[in-house]
Each structure stands twice: as structure tokens, then as C-alpha cells.
Protein backbone atom coordinates (compact mmCIF):
# COMPACT_ATOMS: atom_id res chain seq x y z
CA MET A 1 -7.45 -7.86 12.12
CA ARG A 2 -5.94 -6.77 15.39
CA LEU A 3 -4.24 -3.61 14.13
CA ILE A 4 -5.76 -0.47 15.62
CA PRO A 5 -4.09 2.71 14.31
CA THR A 6 -3.51 5.66 16.61
CA GLY A 7 -3.88 9.37 15.90
CA SER A 8 -4.39 10.10 12.20
CA ASN A 9 -2.70 6.90 11.02
CA VAL A 10 -4.37 4.59 8.53
CA VAL A 11 -4.00 0.84 7.97
CA ILE A 12 -4.47 -0.17 4.35
CA ALA A 13 -4.66 -3.60 2.75
CA LYS A 14 -3.29 -4.54 -0.64
CA VAL A 15 -6.02 -5.34 -3.14
CA ILE A 16 -5.29 -8.77 -4.57
CA GLY A 17 -5.57 -9.14 -8.34
CA ASP A 18 -5.83 -5.41 -8.96
CA LYS A 19 -4.16 -4.05 -12.08
CA LYS A 20 -1.66 -1.24 -11.65
CA SER A 21 -2.90 2.29 -12.23
CA LYS A 22 -0.61 4.80 -13.87
CA LEU A 23 -0.33 8.42 -12.80
CA ILE A 24 1.69 10.87 -14.85
CA LEU A 25 3.19 13.77 -12.92
CA SER A 26 3.37 16.77 -15.24
CA GLU A 27 5.85 18.82 -13.19
CA THR A 28 8.53 16.16 -13.21
CA ALA A 29 7.47 14.45 -16.45
CA GLN A 30 8.07 11.13 -14.75
CA GLU A 31 5.65 8.25 -14.64
CA SER A 32 4.86 6.71 -11.28
CA VAL A 33 2.94 3.51 -10.76
CA PHE A 34 0.59 3.41 -7.81
CA LYS A 35 -1.37 0.43 -6.64
CA ARG A 36 -4.88 0.61 -5.32
CA TRP A 37 -5.15 -0.16 -1.60
CA LYS A 38 -8.23 -0.55 0.59
CA VAL A 39 -8.59 1.23 3.92
CA ALA A 40 -8.78 -1.49 6.59
CA ALA A 41 -8.69 0.66 9.75
CA ILE A 42 -8.45 4.35 10.66
CA GLY A 43 -7.20 6.21 13.69
CA PRO A 44 -9.52 8.38 15.80
CA GLU A 45 -8.12 11.63 14.35
CA CYS A 46 -8.59 10.78 10.65
CA LYS A 47 -10.66 13.40 8.83
CA VAL A 48 -10.59 12.48 5.15
CA VAL A 49 -10.62 8.73 4.61
CA LYS A 50 -13.25 6.22 5.67
CA LEU A 51 -13.23 2.46 6.12
CA ASP A 52 -13.43 0.37 2.95
CA GLN A 53 -12.49 3.26 0.64
CA TYR A 54 -9.83 2.70 -2.01
CA ILE A 55 -6.82 5.01 -2.01
CA VAL A 56 -3.42 5.61 -3.57
CA PHE A 57 -0.52 6.86 -1.51
CA ASN A 58 3.04 8.10 -1.60
CA SER A 59 4.76 7.61 1.72
CA PRO A 60 8.47 7.31 2.45
CA THR A 61 7.62 6.48 6.06
CA ALA A 62 4.98 3.77 5.46
CA GLY A 63 5.62 0.56 7.37
CA GLU A 64 4.55 -2.83 6.03
CA ILE A 65 3.30 -5.59 8.31
CA GLU A 66 1.96 -9.08 7.65
CA GLU A 67 -0.85 -10.54 9.76
CA GLY A 68 -2.90 -13.64 9.13
CA GLY A 69 -1.35 -14.10 5.69
CA ALA A 70 -2.41 -10.63 4.52
CA LYS A 71 -0.11 -7.66 3.93
CA TYR A 72 -0.93 -4.27 5.40
CA VAL A 73 0.72 -0.88 5.31
CA ILE A 74 0.50 1.67 8.11
CA LEU A 75 0.87 5.29 7.06
CA PRO A 76 -0.09 8.81 8.12
CA GLU A 77 -3.31 10.08 6.58
CA LYS A 78 -1.41 13.06 5.13
CA ASP A 79 0.49 10.68 2.80
CA ILE A 80 -2.70 9.61 0.98
CA VAL A 81 -2.65 11.38 -2.39
CA ALA A 82 -6.06 10.33 -3.74
CA VAL A 83 -9.29 8.61 -2.79
CA TYR A 84 -11.30 6.71 -5.41
CA SER A 85 -14.79 8.13 -5.84
CA GLU A 86 -17.72 5.83 -5.23
């Protein structure tokens, strides 16, 4: 992969064959469906996420890019809402 994020941006890769996870938001009583994504690259200012961790995110500004047949999303680290524990 040739994508190198800058600042606190994160590049994540869609996990193929992963089942959707459901998260229920109690304040709004609405159900949102998040997909599990894997961290493929991190910028030099990232403080929370690490390479190869799995995350869920909510980002209105995330940009999708396709490279080498794989789909990636670039988003600010602040838009990551959860990290899967190991």
C-alpha cells in the first residue's frame, strides 16, 4: 500500500467477510450498523490507534479510495468511536 497518512489521519481497510456489528445508541433510540475495519496505516500524530487494530468509526468527512483492488477509507483519528480489545 502506498498510502501514507499525514498528521493524525488514519487509513483503514474494510474487513472482507466480516458480519455487521450492531450498536444501539440509547440517547437517540436509533440503531446504527457499523462495520469492523482494520487499521492499515497511521499518521505520525496518532495517539490512540495502532497498526492492525480493528475499529469502528463514524465520520461524515471520511474519504474512500481504491488501490490494488482493495478499498480503504481515510479519516481523522478523532472520528474513531471504538477500538476492539485484543
